[in-house]
Amino acid sequence: LINEITEWVVEQALLHHKHILSTLPSHKISINISARDLNKRELPVQLLTLITELNIKPSSIVIELTESATVKDKTEAKNILDDFKEMGIKVAIDDYGTGYSSLAYLSQLGFHEIKIDKQFVFNLESNRRHQTICKTTIEMAKNLDAYVVAEGVESELVATMLRQYGCEIAQGYYFSKPMPFAEYCLWLERYTESA
């Protein structure tokens, strides 16, 4: 049922995104898709249809794929990712560092965003190896013209360290726990008022 679930998730995510854009025009949304979704040529068509109907800028949408999702069939994955890119949709590699990536693979698929997995971020302040992995990944991503997102940020110290390393975006409990859409809208209003 994963393809049907993905269709529903994409539609709901874009409807919510459209609602938020009326309050915060710079809002971006990331949508995770599975490996099986990469075999479904209808997914880019669905996205294009919804983007057009809802009048959403494609550049405000990021499609996230786990490393393992894209390694199985690189050619088909590249074709689908190229379809997204042609529409102006950004593509991210999720959980970077936990799969089977190679530099050639990253270069070939041309991700716009690289998400450092939380296992390298959780104890960043005390683990020199994780510090090296994060610094190196951030530097590599910048050299590939990709944004870097750090997952699993749970303290101000870790957020500060990542900012010093050059990480552009962070997510984690330090900022907020996952929440229902209505609560997120209220949180977002408070956040934009205080920014």
N, C-alpha and C. Protein backbone atom coordinates (compact mmCIF):
# COMPACT_ATOMS: atom_id res chain seq x y z
N LEU A 1 0.80 -1.22 0.00
CA LEU A 1 0.00 0.00 0.00
C LEU A 1 0.84 1.27 0.00
N ILE A 2 2.18 1.13 -0.04
CA ILE A 2 3.03 2.32 0.14
C ILE A 2 2.77 3.39 -0.92
N ASN A 3 2.51 2.99 -2.17
CA ASN A 3 2.26 4.01 -3.20
C ASN A 3 1.00 4.82 -2.91
N GLU A 4 -0.06 4.12 -2.48
CA GLU A 4 -1.30 4.81 -2.14
C GLU A 4 -1.11 5.72 -0.92
N ILE A 5 -0.34 5.24 0.05
CA ILE A 5 -0.06 6.05 1.24
C ILE A 5 0.72 7.30 0.83
N THR A 6 1.71 7.13 -0.03
CA THR A 6 2.51 8.27 -0.48
C THR A 6 1.64 9.30 -1.19
N GLU A 7 0.75 8.82 -2.06
CA GLU A 7 -0.15 9.75 -2.76
C GLU A 7 -0.94 10.59 -1.75
N TRP A 8 -1.47 9.92 -0.73
CA TRP A 8 -2.25 10.62 0.30
C TRP A 8 -1.37 11.61 1.07
N VAL A 9 -0.17 11.17 1.46
CA VAL A 9 0.74 12.02 2.22
C VAL A 9 1.12 13.26 1.40
N VAL A 10 1.45 13.06 0.14
CA VAL A 10 1.83 14.19 -0.73
C VAL A 10 0.69 15.19 -0.82
N GLU A 11 -0.53 14.70 -1.04
CA GLU A 11 -1.68 15.60 -1.17
C GLU A 11 -1.93 16.37 0.14
N GLN A 12 -1.94 15.65 1.26
CA GLN A 12 -2.17 16.31 2.55
C GLN A 12 -1.07 17.31 2.87
N ALA A 13 0.17 16.93 2.62
CA ALA A 13 1.30 17.82 2.90
C ALA A 13 1.19 19.12 2.10
N LEU A 14 0.85 19.01 0.83
CA LEU A 14 0.75 20.22 0.00
C LEU A 14 -0.46 21.07 0.36
N LEU A 15 -1.56 20.46 0.77
CA LEU A 15 -2.71 21.23 1.24
C LEU A 15 -2.35 22.01 2.51
N HIS A 16 -1.65 21.36 3.44
CA HIS A 16 -1.20 22.04 4.66
C HIS A 16 -0.19 23.15 4.31
N HIS A 17 0.71 22.84 3.40
CA HIS A 17 1.74 23.81 2.99
C HIS A 17 1.08 25.05 2.40
N LYS A 18 0.08 24.87 1.56
CA LYS A 18 -0.65 26.01 0.96
C LYS A 18 -1.25 26.88 2.06
N HIS A 19 -1.82 26.26 3.07
CA HIS A 19 -2.41 27.00 4.19
C HIS A 19 -1.34 27.84 4.90
N ILE A 20 -0.19 27.24 5.16
CA ILE A 20 0.89 27.93 5.88
C ILE A 20 1.47 29.07 5.03
N LEU A 21 1.56 28.88 3.73
CA LEU A 21 2.12 29.91 2.86
C LEU A 21 1.36 31.23 2.94
N SER A 22 0.07 31.17 3.28
CA SER A 22 -0.70 32.41 3.41
C SER A 22 -0.22 33.23 4.61
N THR A 23 0.34 32.55 5.62
CA THR A 23 0.87 33.23 6.80
C THR A 23 2.36 33.51 6.66
N LEU A 24 3.07 32.55 6.11
CA LEU A 24 4.53 32.64 6.00
C LEU A 24 4.96 32.26 4.58
N PRO A 25 5.04 33.24 3.67
CA PRO A 25 5.34 32.95 2.26
C PRO A 25 6.70 32.26 2.02
N SER A 26 7.62 32.36 2.98
CA SER A 26 8.94 31.74 2.80
C SER A 26 8.98 30.29 3.30
N HIS A 27 7.84 29.76 3.75
CA HIS A 27 7.79 28.41 4.31
C HIS A 27 8.21 27.36 3.27
N LYS A 28 8.94 26.36 3.73
CA LYS A 28 9.32 25.23 2.88
C LYS A 28 8.79 23.96 3.55
N ILE A 29 8.49 22.97 2.73
CA ILE A 29 8.00 21.70 3.27
C ILE A 29 8.84 20.56 2.71
N SER A 30 9.16 19.61 3.56
CA SER A 30 9.88 18.41 3.15
C SER A 30 8.95 17.21 3.25
N ILE A 31 8.96 16.39 2.21
CA ILE A 31 8.09 15.21 2.16
C ILE A 31 8.95 13.98 1.92
N ASN A 32 8.88 13.01 2.85
CA ASN A 32 9.63 11.77 2.68
C ASN A 32 8.89 10.84 1.72
N ILE A 33 9.63 10.21 0.83
CA ILE A 33 9.06 9.17 -0.02
C ILE A 33 9.90 7.91 0.12
N SER A 34 9.31 6.78 -0.24
CA SER A 34 9.99 5.50 -0.05
C SER A 34 10.71 5.07 -1.33
N ALA A 35 11.51 4.01 -1.20
CA ALA A 35 12.21 3.44 -2.35
C ALA A 35 11.23 2.98 -3.42
N ARG A 36 10.12 2.40 -3.00
CA ARG A 36 9.15 1.91 -3.98
C ARG A 36 8.50 3.05 -4.76
N ASP A 37 8.44 4.23 -4.15
CA ASP A 37 7.86 5.38 -4.86
C ASP A 37 8.73 5.81 -6.04
N LEU A 38 10.01 5.47 -5.98
CA LEU A 38 10.91 5.83 -7.09
C LEU A 38 10.64 5.01 -8.34
N ASN A 39 9.91 3.92 -8.20
CA ASN A 39 9.55 3.11 -9.37
C ASN A 39 8.21 3.54 -9.96
N LYS A 40 7.58 4.53 -9.34
CA LYS A 40 6.26 4.95 -9.78
C LYS A 40 6.36 6.24 -10.57
N ARG A 41 6.28 6.15 -11.88
CA ARG A 41 6.43 7.32 -12.74
C ARG A 41 5.29 8.32 -12.57
N GLU A 42 4.19 7.90 -11.94
CA GLU A 42 3.05 8.80 -11.75
C GLU A 42 3.29 9.84 -10.66
N LEU A 43 4.27 9.59 -9.78
CA LEU A 43 4.48 10.50 -8.66
C LEU A 43 4.84 11.92 -9.12
N PRO A 44 5.79 12.09 -10.04
CA PRO A 44 6.06 13.46 -10.52
C PRO A 44 4.83 14.11 -11.16
N VAL A 45 4.01 13.33 -11.84
CA VAL A 45 2.79 13.86 -12.46
C VAL A 45 1.83 14.35 -11.37
N GLN A 46 1.66 13.54 -10.31
CA GLN A 46 0.79 13.94 -9.21
C GLN A 46 1.29 15.25 -8.58
N LEU A 47 2.59 15.33 -8.36
CA LEU A 47 3.16 16.54 -7.76
C LEU A 47 2.92 17.75 -8.66
N LEU A 48 3.18 17.60 -9.94
CA LEU A 48 3.00 18.71 -10.88
C LEU A 48 1.54 19.17 -10.90
N THR A 49 0.62 18.21 -10.91
CA THR A 49 -0.81 18.54 -10.91
C THR A 49 -1.19 19.33 -9.66
N LEU A 50 -0.77 18.85 -8.49
CA LEU A 50 -1.10 19.53 -7.23
C LEU A 50 -0.45 20.90 -7.13
N ILE A 51 0.79 21.01 -7.55
CA ILE A 51 1.49 22.30 -7.51
C ILE A 51 0.76 23.32 -8.37
N THR A 52 0.32 22.88 -9.54
CA THR A 52 -0.40 23.77 -10.45
C THR A 52 -1.76 24.15 -9.87
N GLU A 53 -2.52 23.16 -9.40
CA GLU A 53 -3.85 23.43 -8.84
C GLU A 53 -3.79 24.36 -7.62
N LEU A 54 -2.79 24.15 -6.78
CA LEU A 54 -2.70 24.92 -5.54
C LEU A 54 -1.88 26.20 -5.70
N ASN A 55 -1.27 26.37 -6.87
CA ASN A 55 -0.44 27.55 -7.14
C ASN A 55 0.68 27.70 -6.11
N ILE A 56 1.46 26.64 -5.96
CA ILE A 56 2.58 26.60 -5.02
C ILE A 56 3.88 26.64 -5.82
N LYS A 57 4.85 27.41 -5.34
CA LYS A 57 6.16 27.44 -5.99
C LYS A 57 6.85 26.10 -5.77
N PRO A 58 7.27 25.43 -6.84
CA PRO A 58 7.95 24.14 -6.67
C PRO A 58 9.20 24.23 -5.80
N SER A 59 9.89 25.38 -5.84
CA SER A 59 11.13 25.53 -5.06
C SER A 59 10.88 25.53 -3.56
N SER A 60 9.61 25.60 -3.13
CA SER A 60 9.30 25.56 -1.70
C SER A 60 9.07 24.13 -1.21
N ILE A 61 9.30 23.16 -2.11
CA ILE A 61 9.05 21.74 -1.78
C ILE A 61 10.37 20.97 -1.86
N VAL A 62 10.60 20.15 -0.84
CA VAL A 62 11.77 19.27 -0.83
C VAL A 62 11.28 17.83 -0.72
N ILE A 63 11.73 16.99 -1.63
CA ILE A 63 11.45 15.56 -1.56
C ILE A 63 12.65 14.89 -0.90
N GLU A 64 12.39 14.13 0.17
CA GLU A 64 13.46 13.47 0.92
C GLU A 64 13.46 11.97 0.65
N LEU A 65 14.67 11.46 0.39
CA LEU A 65 14.86 10.02 0.18
C LEU A 65 15.94 9.54 1.11
N THR A 66 15.75 8.36 1.72
CA THR A 66 16.83 7.80 2.52
C THR A 66 17.92 7.29 1.59
N GLU A 67 19.14 7.20 2.09
CA GLU A 67 20.25 6.70 1.28
C GLU A 67 19.93 5.37 0.65
N SER A 68 19.41 4.45 1.45
CA SER A 68 19.17 3.09 0.95
C SER A 68 18.10 3.08 -0.13
N ALA A 69 17.20 4.07 -0.12
CA ALA A 69 16.12 4.10 -1.11
C ALA A 69 16.66 4.32 -2.51
N THR A 70 17.74 5.05 -2.63
CA THR A 70 18.21 5.42 -3.95
C THR A 70 19.30 4.52 -4.50
N VAL A 71 19.86 3.64 -3.69
CA VAL A 71 20.98 2.84 -4.18
C VAL A 71 20.56 1.64 -5.01
N LYS A 72 19.36 1.13 -4.81
CA LYS A 72 18.97 -0.11 -5.45
C LYS A 72 18.95 -0.02 -6.97
N ASP A 73 18.38 1.04 -7.51
CA ASP A 73 18.35 1.21 -8.96
C ASP A 73 18.71 2.66 -9.26
N LYS A 74 20.00 2.93 -9.39
CA LYS A 74 20.48 4.30 -9.54
C LYS A 74 19.93 4.97 -10.79
N THR A 75 19.81 4.21 -11.87
CA THR A 75 19.35 4.80 -13.12
C THR A 75 17.91 5.27 -13.00
N GLU A 76 17.03 4.40 -12.48
CA GLU A 76 15.63 4.79 -12.32
C GLU A 76 15.49 5.91 -11.30
N ALA A 77 16.26 5.82 -10.21
CA ALA A 77 16.24 6.88 -9.19
C ALA A 77 16.63 8.20 -9.81
N LYS A 78 17.69 8.19 -10.62
CA LYS A 78 18.15 9.43 -11.27
C LYS A 78 17.08 10.00 -12.19
N ASN A 79 16.39 9.14 -12.93
CA ASN A 79 15.33 9.62 -13.83
C ASN A 79 14.21 10.31 -13.07
N ILE A 80 13.76 9.69 -11.98
CA ILE A 80 12.68 10.29 -11.19
C ILE A 80 13.16 11.59 -10.54
N LEU A 81 14.37 11.57 -9.98
CA LEU A 81 14.90 12.77 -9.34
C LEU A 81 15.07 13.89 -10.36
N ASP A 82 15.50 13.54 -11.57
CA ASP A 82 15.62 14.56 -12.63
C ASP A 82 14.27 15.16 -12.98
N ASP A 83 13.20 14.33 -12.94
CA ASP A 83 11.85 14.85 -13.17
C ASP A 83 11.49 15.90 -12.12
N PHE A 84 11.78 15.59 -10.85
CA PHE A 84 11.50 16.54 -9.78
C PHE A 84 12.29 17.84 -10.00
N LYS A 85 13.57 17.69 -10.32
CA LYS A 85 14.43 18.86 -10.50
C LYS A 85 13.96 19.73 -11.66
N GLU A 86 13.53 19.10 -12.74
CA GLU A 86 13.02 19.86 -13.89
C GLU A 86 11.81 20.69 -13.52
N MET A 87 11.02 20.21 -12.57
CA MET A 87 9.86 20.96 -12.10
C MET A 87 10.26 22.08 -11.15
N GLY A 88 11.49 22.04 -10.64
CA GLY A 88 11.94 23.04 -9.68
C GLY A 88 11.87 22.57 -8.25
N ILE A 89 11.47 21.31 -8.04
CA ILE A 89 11.40 20.73 -6.69
C ILE A 89 12.81 20.35 -6.24
N LYS A 90 13.11 20.62 -4.98
CA LYS A 90 14.42 20.28 -4.42
C LYS A 90 14.41 18.81 -3.96
N VAL A 91 15.60 18.21 -3.95
CA VAL A 91 15.72 16.80 -3.55
C VAL A 91 16.78 16.70 -2.45
N ALA A 92 16.43 15.97 -1.38
CA ALA A 92 17.35 15.80 -0.25
C ALA A 92 17.65 14.33 -0.03
N ILE A 93 18.87 14.07 0.44
CA ILE A 93 19.21 12.72 0.87
C ILE A 93 19.10 12.72 2.40
N ASP A 94 18.25 11.84 2.92
CA ASP A 94 17.95 11.79 4.34
C ASP A 94 18.84 10.75 5.03
N ASP A 95 19.09 10.96 6.31
CA ASP A 95 19.87 10.01 7.13
C ASP A 95 21.26 9.76 6.55
N TYR A 96 21.89 10.83 6.02
CA TYR A 96 23.20 10.66 5.40
C TYR A 96 24.21 10.12 6.42
N GLY A 97 24.99 9.16 5.96
CA GLY A 97 26.01 8.56 6.80
C GLY A 97 25.62 7.20 7.34
N THR A 98 24.37 6.79 7.14
CA THR A 98 23.93 5.50 7.69
C THR A 98 23.79 4.43 6.61
N GLY A 99 23.92 4.80 5.35
CA GLY A 99 23.69 3.86 4.25
C GLY A 99 24.96 3.53 3.51
N TYR A 100 24.87 3.56 2.18
CA TYR A 100 25.96 3.06 1.35
C TYR A 100 26.47 4.12 0.38
N SER A 101 26.44 5.37 0.78
CA SER A 101 26.79 6.45 -0.14
C SER A 101 28.26 6.42 -0.53
N SER A 102 28.50 6.84 -1.74
CA SER A 102 29.86 7.13 -2.19
C SER A 102 29.83 8.54 -2.73
N LEU A 103 31.00 9.15 -2.86
CA LEU A 103 31.04 10.51 -3.38
C LEU A 103 30.55 10.56 -4.82
N ALA A 104 30.87 9.52 -5.60
CA ALA A 104 30.40 9.47 -6.98
C ALA A 104 28.88 9.42 -7.03
N TYR A 105 28.29 8.69 -6.12
CA TYR A 105 26.84 8.55 -6.03
C TYR A 105 26.19 9.89 -5.71
N LEU A 106 26.76 10.60 -4.73
CA LEU A 106 26.24 11.92 -4.38
C LEU A 106 26.35 12.88 -5.55
N SER A 107 27.48 12.82 -6.24
CA SER A 107 27.69 13.72 -7.37
C SER A 107 26.75 13.38 -8.52
N GLN A 108 26.57 12.10 -8.80
CA GLN A 108 25.74 11.66 -9.93
C GLN A 108 24.28 12.05 -9.73
N LEU A 109 23.75 11.88 -8.52
CA LEU A 109 22.34 12.15 -8.29
C LEU A 109 22.06 13.62 -7.98
N GLY A 110 23.09 14.38 -7.64
CA GLY A 110 22.95 15.82 -7.50
C GLY A 110 21.89 16.29 -6.52
N PHE A 111 22.03 15.91 -5.27
CA PHE A 111 21.08 16.33 -4.24
C PHE A 111 21.23 17.82 -3.93
N HIS A 112 20.13 18.49 -3.63
CA HIS A 112 20.16 19.90 -3.23
C HIS A 112 20.45 20.03 -1.74
N GLU A 113 20.16 18.95 -1.00
CA GLU A 113 20.24 19.01 0.45
C GLU A 113 20.75 17.67 0.97
N ILE A 114 21.63 17.75 1.96
CA ILE A 114 22.15 16.54 2.60
C ILE A 114 21.80 16.64 4.09
N LYS A 115 21.08 15.63 4.59
CA LYS A 115 20.66 15.62 5.98
C LYS A 115 21.55 14.68 6.79
N ILE A 116 22.30 15.26 7.72
CA ILE A 116 23.19 14.46 8.56
C ILE A 116 22.34 13.70 9.58
N ASP A 117 22.53 12.40 9.63
CA ASP A 117 21.73 11.56 10.52
C ASP A 117 21.96 11.92 11.99
N LYS A 118 20.90 11.80 12.77
CA LYS A 118 20.93 12.18 14.18
C LYS A 118 21.96 11.41 15.00
N GLN A 119 22.34 10.20 14.58
CA GLN A 119 23.29 9.44 15.38
C GLN A 119 24.66 10.14 15.45
N PHE A 120 24.95 11.02 14.48
CA PHE A 120 26.21 11.77 14.50
C PHE A 120 26.06 13.12 15.21
N VAL A 121 24.83 13.49 15.55
CA VAL A 121 24.55 14.80 16.13
C VAL A 121 24.26 14.70 17.63
N PHE A 122 23.63 13.61 18.08
CA PHE A 122 23.17 13.48 19.47
C PHE A 122 24.23 13.86 20.49
N ASN A 123 25.39 13.27 20.43
CA ASN A 123 26.43 13.55 21.44
C ASN A 123 27.61 14.30 20.82
N LEU A 124 27.28 15.23 19.95
CA LEU A 124 28.31 15.97 19.21
C LEU A 124 29.29 16.68 20.13
N GLU A 125 28.77 17.25 21.23
CA GLU A 125 29.63 18.04 22.11
C GLU A 125 30.76 17.23 22.75
N SER A 126 30.60 15.90 22.86
CA SER A 126 31.61 15.09 23.55
C SER A 126 32.28 14.05 22.66
N ASN A 127 31.87 13.91 21.42
CA ASN A 127 32.42 12.86 20.56
C ASN A 127 33.21 13.48 19.41
N ARG A 128 34.54 13.39 19.51
CA ARG A 128 35.40 14.02 18.49
C ARG A 128 35.21 13.41 17.10
N ARG A 129 34.95 12.12 17.05
CA ARG A 129 34.73 11.47 15.74
C ARG A 129 33.48 12.04 15.08
N HIS A 130 32.42 12.20 15.86
CA HIS A 130 31.18 12.75 15.31
C HIS A 130 31.37 14.21 14.91
N GLN A 131 32.19 14.93 15.67
CA GLN A 131 32.51 16.32 15.29
C GLN A 131 33.20 16.34 13.91
N THR A 132 34.15 15.43 13.73
CA THR A 132 34.87 15.35 12.45
C THR A 132 33.92 14.97 11.31
N ILE A 133 33.05 13.99 11.57
CA ILE A 133 32.09 13.56 10.54
C ILE A 133 31.18 14.72 10.15
N CYS A 134 30.67 15.44 11.14
CA CYS A 134 29.76 16.57 10.85
C CYS A 134 30.49 17.68 10.09
N LYS A 135 31.68 18.06 10.57
CA LYS A 135 32.44 19.12 9.90
C LYS A 135 32.74 18.73 8.45
N THR A 136 33.21 17.51 8.25
CA THR A 136 33.59 17.04 6.92
C THR A 136 32.38 16.96 5.99
N THR A 137 31.27 16.46 6.51
CA THR A 137 30.05 16.36 5.70
C THR A 137 29.56 17.74 5.30
N ILE A 138 29.60 18.69 6.21
CA ILE A 138 29.16 20.05 5.92
C ILE A 138 30.06 20.68 4.86
N GLU A 139 31.36 20.51 5.02
CA GLU A 139 32.29 21.07 4.03
C GLU A 139 32.08 20.43 2.66
N MET A 140 31.93 19.10 2.63
CA MET A 140 31.71 18.40 1.36
C MET A 140 30.42 18.88 0.70
N ALA A 141 29.35 19.00 1.49
CA ALA A 141 28.06 19.43 0.95
C ALA A 141 28.18 20.82 0.34
N LYS A 142 28.85 21.72 1.02
CA LYS A 142 29.03 23.07 0.50
C LYS A 142 29.80 23.04 -0.83
N ASN A 143 30.81 22.17 -0.90
CA ASN A 143 31.58 22.06 -2.15
C ASN A 143 30.76 21.45 -3.28
N LEU A 144 29.68 20.73 -2.93
CA LEU A 144 28.76 20.17 -3.93
C LEU A 144 27.55 21.08 -4.15
N ASP A 145 27.61 22.31 -3.60
CA ASP A 145 26.51 23.28 -3.70
C ASP A 145 25.21 22.75 -3.12
N ALA A 146 25.30 22.05 -2.00
CA ALA A 146 24.12 21.50 -1.33
C ALA A 146 23.97 22.14 0.05
N TYR A 147 22.73 22.31 0.47
CA TYR A 147 22.45 22.74 1.84
C TYR A 147 22.68 21.56 2.76
N VAL A 148 22.93 21.89 4.04
CA VAL A 148 23.10 20.84 5.04
C VAL A 148 22.04 21.02 6.12
N VAL A 149 21.39 19.91 6.46
CA VAL A 149 20.42 19.88 7.55
C VAL A 149 20.93 18.87 8.57
N ALA A 150 21.00 19.28 9.82
CA ALA A 150 21.40 18.35 10.89
C ALA A 150 20.14 17.89 11.62
N GLU A 151 20.00 16.59 11.76
CA GLU A 151 18.85 16.00 12.46
C GLU A 151 19.23 15.73 13.92
N GLY A 152 18.24 15.74 14.78
CA GLY A 152 18.46 15.30 16.16
C GLY A 152 19.13 16.32 17.06
N VAL A 153 18.94 17.62 16.80
CA VAL A 153 19.54 18.65 17.65
C VAL A 153 18.68 18.80 18.90
N GLU A 154 19.31 18.57 20.07
CA GLU A 154 18.54 18.58 21.31
C GLU A 154 19.06 19.56 22.34
N SER A 155 20.09 20.35 21.99
CA SER A 155 20.59 21.33 22.95
C SER A 155 21.11 22.56 22.22
N GLU A 156 21.15 23.66 22.97
CA GLU A 156 21.66 24.92 22.41
C GLU A 156 23.13 24.78 22.03
N LEU A 157 23.89 24.05 22.84
CA LEU A 157 25.32 23.87 22.56
C LEU A 157 25.53 23.18 21.21
N VAL A 158 24.79 22.11 20.96
CA VAL A 158 24.92 21.39 19.68
C VAL A 158 24.48 22.29 18.53
N ALA A 159 23.40 23.04 18.71
CA ALA A 159 22.94 23.97 17.66
C ALA A 159 24.02 25.00 17.35
N THR A 160 24.67 25.51 18.39
CA THR A 160 25.73 26.50 18.22
C THR A 160 26.93 25.90 17.49
N MET A 161 27.33 24.69 17.90
CA MET A 161 28.47 24.02 17.26
C MET A 161 28.20 23.82 15.76
N LEU A 162 27.01 23.33 15.44
CA LEU A 162 26.67 23.09 14.04
C LEU A 162 26.66 24.38 13.24
N ARG A 163 26.16 25.46 13.85
CA ARG A 163 26.15 26.77 13.18
C ARG A 163 27.59 27.20 12.91
N GLN A 164 28.48 26.98 13.88
CA GLN A 164 29.90 27.33 13.70
C GLN A 164 30.55 26.50 12.60
N TYR A 165 30.11 25.27 12.42
CA TYR A 165 30.64 24.41 11.36
C TYR A 165 30.12 24.84 9.98
N GLY A 166 29.06 25.66 9.96
CA GLY A 166 28.51 26.12 8.68
C GLY A 166 27.22 25.43 8.29
N CYS A 167 26.60 24.71 9.21
CA CYS A 167 25.33 24.03 8.94
C CYS A 167 24.22 25.08 8.84
N GLU A 168 23.46 25.04 7.73
CA GLU A 168 22.43 26.07 7.51
C GLU A 168 21.12 25.81 8.24
N ILE A 169 20.73 24.54 8.37
CA ILE A 169 19.42 24.21 8.93
C ILE A 169 19.58 23.08 9.95
N ALA A 170 18.82 23.17 11.03
CA ALA A 170 18.84 22.09 12.02
C ALA A 170 17.41 21.77 12.43
N GLN A 171 17.22 20.53 12.83
CA GLN A 171 15.90 20.13 13.32
C GLN A 171 16.11 19.22 14.52
N GLY A 172 15.14 19.24 15.41
CA GLY A 172 15.23 18.38 16.59
C GLY A 172 14.44 18.94 17.74
N TYR A 173 14.45 18.23 18.84
CA TYR A 173 13.65 18.58 20.02
C TYR A 173 14.07 19.90 20.64
N TYR A 174 15.29 20.35 20.39
CA TYR A 174 15.71 21.66 20.90
C TYR A 174 14.77 22.76 20.38
N PHE A 175 14.31 22.59 19.14
CA PHE A 175 13.41 23.58 18.53
C PHE A 175 11.96 23.24 18.82
N SER A 176 11.61 21.97 18.64
CA SER A 176 10.24 21.53 18.91
C SER A 176 10.12 20.03 18.71
N LYS A 177 9.21 19.44 19.45
CA LYS A 177 8.85 18.04 19.21
C LYS A 177 7.83 18.01 18.08
N PRO A 178 7.63 16.86 17.43
CA PRO A 178 6.58 16.77 16.40
C PRO A 178 5.23 17.13 17.03
N MET A 179 4.38 17.76 16.22
CA MET A 179 3.08 18.18 16.75
C MET A 179 2.01 18.13 15.67
N PRO A 180 0.75 18.05 16.08
CA PRO A 180 -0.35 18.08 15.11
C PRO A 180 -0.33 19.40 14.34
N PHE A 181 -0.96 19.40 13.17
CA PHE A 181 -0.91 20.55 12.27
C PHE A 181 -1.42 21.83 12.93
N ALA A 182 -2.55 21.78 13.61
CA ALA A 182 -3.11 22.98 14.25
C ALA A 182 -2.14 23.57 15.26
N GLU A 183 -1.49 22.72 16.06
CA GLU A 183 -0.50 23.19 17.03
C GLU A 183 0.71 23.79 16.32
N TYR A 184 1.12 23.16 15.22
CA TYR A 184 2.25 23.68 14.46
C TYR A 184 1.96 25.09 13.95
N CYS A 185 0.74 25.32 13.47
CA CYS A 185 0.37 26.65 12.97
C CYS A 185 0.49 27.70 14.08
N LEU A 186 0.02 27.35 15.30
CA LEU A 186 0.15 28.27 16.43
C LEU A 186 1.61 28.50 16.80
N TRP A 187 2.39 27.42 16.82
CA TRP A 187 3.82 27.52 17.12
C TRP A 187 4.50 28.42 16.10
N LEU A 188 4.16 28.24 14.84
CA LEU A 188 4.75 29.01 13.76
C LEU A 188 4.41 30.50 13.89
N GLU A 189 3.17 30.80 14.27
CA GLU A 189 2.79 32.20 14.50
C GLU A 189 3.62 32.83 15.61
N ARG A 190 3.77 32.10 16.73
CA ARG A 190 4.59 32.62 17.84
C ARG A 190 6.03 32.79 17.40
N TYR A 191 6.55 31.83 16.63
CA TYR A 191 7.93 31.89 16.17
C TYR A 191 8.17 33.10 15.27
N THR A 192 7.27 33.32 14.32
CA THR A 192 7.44 34.44 13.37
C THR A 192 7.28 35.78 14.09
N GLU A 193 6.43 35.84 15.11
CA GLU A 193 6.28 37.09 15.87
C GLU A 193 7.53 37.43 16.67
N SER A 194 8.21 36.38 17.18
CA SER A 194 9.40 36.62 18.00
C SER A 194 10.68 36.79 17.18
N ALA A 195 10.62 36.42 15.89
CA ALA A 195 11.84 36.48 15.06
C ALA A 195 12.13 37.90 14.60
